[in-house]
Amino acid sequence: CLHKERFTLLVRMLYKIMNFLVKGDILDEYLRTDGVWILTRNKQFYKTNNEKECAEKCEAERNFNCRAFLFTRKKLQCLTLAENTKMTVTFDSTDAILYEKRIYLLQCKRGIGKDYRGMEAKTQRGIPCQKWSEKTPHNPKYGFIYICLHVVLNLFQASPISCV
């Protein structure tokens, strides 16, 4: 069936594109600081084996917008955090490793706002930044890969595969 072949080809192409875009270590998106703990009210505790698993918990967090995580070496404890060092108090802790999402450490006054998740409220020219609660012009939670999947799924929903 021609439609089924097209769909299979498109899915394979999308898979290759996604693999190309996703290459790299999940921890590359985080700034690591050894021996630092941050004081926060909004956190979630998890038991993980390593920092990568903790980063995956942060990415999958549903209770709040995870901006950072703490990993303790001795207890193998993972704390996903809603705050980062720009938002709260820090103190020394020899066992802790703090990982902050780099995207939340950026400032709005640089760039075009495409990937901004920092703390500034206006650009250099005085243009107000998009609020996190707003879904337009950018949906703050989803990136390019999700958009690609959305386009492909909607494309085939509009012209469903029917082989007779």
Protein backbone atom coordinates (compact mmCIF):
# COMPACT_ATOMS: atom_id res chain seq x y z
CA CYS A 1 0.00 0.00 0.00
CA LEU A 2 1.44 3.37 -1.05
CA HIS A 3 0.19 5.30 2.02
CA LYS A 4 1.66 2.74 4.40
CA GLU A 5 5.03 2.86 2.60
CA ARG A 6 5.05 6.67 2.74
CA PHE A 7 4.21 6.61 6.43
CA THR A 8 6.98 4.10 7.18
CA LEU A 9 9.50 6.14 5.19
CA LEU A 10 8.46 9.35 6.94
CA VAL A 11 8.72 7.76 10.39
CA ARG A 12 12.22 6.46 9.56
CA MET A 13 13.28 9.90 8.36
CA LEU A 14 11.87 11.52 11.49
CA TYR A 15 13.68 8.97 13.64
CA LYS A 16 17.00 9.83 11.93
CA ILE A 17 16.39 13.56 12.38
CA MET A 18 15.53 13.07 16.06
CA ASN A 19 18.67 10.98 16.65
CA PHE A 20 20.77 13.67 14.99
CA LEU A 21 19.24 16.42 17.14
CA VAL A 22 19.27 14.51 20.41
CA LYS A 23 22.90 13.34 20.29
CA GLY A 24 24.91 14.20 23.36
CA ASP A 25 24.81 13.64 27.05
CA ILE A 26 21.72 14.75 28.98
CA LEU A 27 24.04 16.39 31.52
CA ASP A 28 25.42 18.73 28.83
CA GLU A 29 22.27 20.84 29.28
CA TYR A 30 23.17 21.44 32.95
CA LEU A 31 25.77 23.52 34.78
CA ARG A 32 27.46 21.37 37.45
CA THR A 33 28.56 22.81 40.80
CA ASP A 34 30.15 20.51 43.39
CA GLY A 35 29.60 21.02 47.11
CA VAL A 36 26.59 23.34 46.87
CA TRP A 37 23.06 22.91 48.24
CA ILE A 38 20.18 25.29 47.57
CA LEU A 39 17.35 26.03 49.95
CA THR A 40 13.99 25.43 48.30
CA ARG A 41 10.42 24.68 49.30
CA ASN A 42 9.34 23.17 46.00
CA LYS A 43 11.22 19.89 45.54
CA GLN A 44 10.67 16.19 44.92
CA PHE A 45 12.79 13.31 46.33
CA TYR A 46 13.83 10.27 44.26
CA LYS A 47 16.22 7.35 44.72
CA THR A 48 18.56 7.10 41.71
CA ASN A 49 21.85 5.37 40.90
CA ASN A 50 23.61 8.29 39.20
CA GLU A 51 23.37 11.87 37.97
CA LYS A 52 21.99 10.91 34.55
CA GLU A 53 19.01 9.14 36.12
CA CYS A 54 18.43 12.20 38.28
CA ALA A 55 18.53 14.44 35.19
CA GLU A 56 15.91 12.19 33.58
CA LYS A 57 13.72 12.62 36.69
CA CYS A 58 14.11 16.39 36.37
CA GLU A 59 13.14 16.30 32.68
CA ALA A 60 10.07 14.16 33.48
CA GLU A 61 8.98 16.19 36.54
CA ARG A 62 5.24 16.93 36.44
CA ASN A 63 4.66 18.59 39.83
CA PHE A 64 6.54 21.80 38.90
CA ASN A 65 8.89 23.26 36.31
CA CYS A 66 12.23 21.61 37.18
CA ARG A 67 15.04 24.17 36.90
CA ALA A 68 17.74 22.18 38.73
CA PHE A 69 18.47 19.02 40.65
CA LEU A 70 20.68 17.97 43.55
CA PHE A 71 22.39 14.59 43.66
CA THR A 72 23.98 13.20 46.82
CA ARG A 73 26.85 10.76 46.33
CA LYS A 74 26.59 8.82 49.60
CA LYS A 75 22.81 8.31 49.76
CA LEU A 76 22.31 8.26 45.96
CA GLN A 77 19.46 10.67 46.55
CA CYS A 78 17.99 12.89 43.86
CA LEU A 79 16.09 16.09 44.55
CA THR A 80 14.39 17.81 41.62
CA LEU A 81 14.04 21.53 42.27
CA ALA A 82 11.76 24.33 41.08
CA GLU A 83 14.37 26.98 41.99
CA ASN A 84 17.97 27.59 40.97
CA THR A 85 20.83 29.71 42.37
CA LYS A 86 19.36 32.88 40.81
CA MET A 87 16.19 32.46 42.86
CA THR A 88 17.20 31.26 46.33
CA VAL A 89 19.93 30.92 48.97
CA THR A 90 22.88 28.53 48.59
CA PHE A 91 25.12 26.92 51.20
CA ASP A 92 28.02 24.46 51.29
CA SER A 93 27.41 20.71 51.42
CA THR A 94 30.33 18.39 50.69
CA ASP A 95 28.19 15.44 49.57
CA ALA A 96 25.95 17.39 47.17
CA ILE A 97 26.30 18.07 43.46
CA LEU A 98 24.03 20.79 42.06
CA TYR A 99 23.02 20.66 38.40
CA GLU A 100 21.20 23.71 37.02
CA LYS A 101 19.56 23.80 33.61
CA ARG A 102 21.64 26.17 31.51
CA ILE A 103 18.57 27.49 29.70
CA TYR A 104 17.20 28.92 32.98
CA LEU A 105 20.47 30.72 33.68
CA LEU A 106 20.22 32.76 30.47
CA GLN A 107 18.97 36.33 30.53
CA CYS A 108 16.22 37.69 28.28
CA LYS A 109 18.34 40.66 27.21
CA ARG A 110 20.46 38.34 25.04
CA GLY A 111 19.24 36.54 21.94
CA ILE A 112 15.79 36.64 20.39
CA GLY A 113 13.83 34.97 23.18
CA LYS A 114 13.55 31.69 21.30
CA ASP A 115 15.02 29.53 24.07
CA TYR A 116 14.88 31.94 27.00
CA ARG A 117 13.92 30.67 30.44
CA GLY A 118 15.76 33.17 32.63
CA MET A 119 14.73 35.75 35.21
CA GLU A 120 14.66 39.09 33.34
CA ALA A 121 11.24 40.57 32.61
CA LYS A 122 12.19 42.72 29.58
CA THR A 123 14.57 42.69 26.63
CA GLN A 124 17.26 45.36 26.10
CA ARG A 125 14.74 47.30 23.99
CA GLY A 126 12.11 47.13 26.73
CA ILE A 127 9.93 44.45 25.14
CA PRO A 128 8.17 42.41 27.87
CA CYS A 129 9.11 38.74 28.05
CA GLN A 130 6.48 36.04 27.70
CA LYS A 131 5.02 34.85 31.01
CA TRP A 132 5.40 31.16 31.85
CA SER A 133 1.64 30.75 32.14
CA GLU A 134 1.13 31.94 28.54
CA LYS A 135 1.19 29.43 25.69
CA THR A 136 1.77 31.98 22.90
CA PRO A 137 3.85 32.95 21.03
CA HIS A 138 5.96 30.04 22.39
CA ASN A 139 4.86 27.01 24.38
CA PRO A 140 7.57 27.06 27.06
CA LYS A 141 7.65 23.31 27.74
CA TYR A 142 8.13 21.78 24.30
CA GLY A 143 11.01 21.87 21.85
CA PHE A 144 11.68 21.13 18.20
CA ILE A 145 11.38 17.34 18.51
CA TYR A 146 7.86 17.57 19.95
CA ILE A 147 6.85 19.94 17.17
CA CYS A 148 8.16 17.49 14.53
CA LEU A 149 6.19 14.64 16.08
CA HIS A 150 3.08 16.82 16.30
CA VAL A 151 3.36 17.78 12.61
CA VAL A 152 3.85 14.18 11.46
CA LEU A 153 0.99 12.84 13.57
CA ASN A 154 -1.37 15.60 12.41
CA LEU A 155 -0.31 15.06 8.81
CA PHE A 156 -1.40 11.44 8.93
CA GLN A 157 -4.49 12.19 10.96
CA ALA A 158 -5.63 14.52 8.18
CA SER A 159 -5.15 11.80 5.56
CA PRO A 160 -5.42 8.50 7.43
CA ILE A 161 -3.83 5.34 6.09
CA SER A 162 -6.39 3.07 4.49
CA CYS A 163 -5.22 -0.02 2.67
CA VAL A 164 -7.87 -2.12 0.95
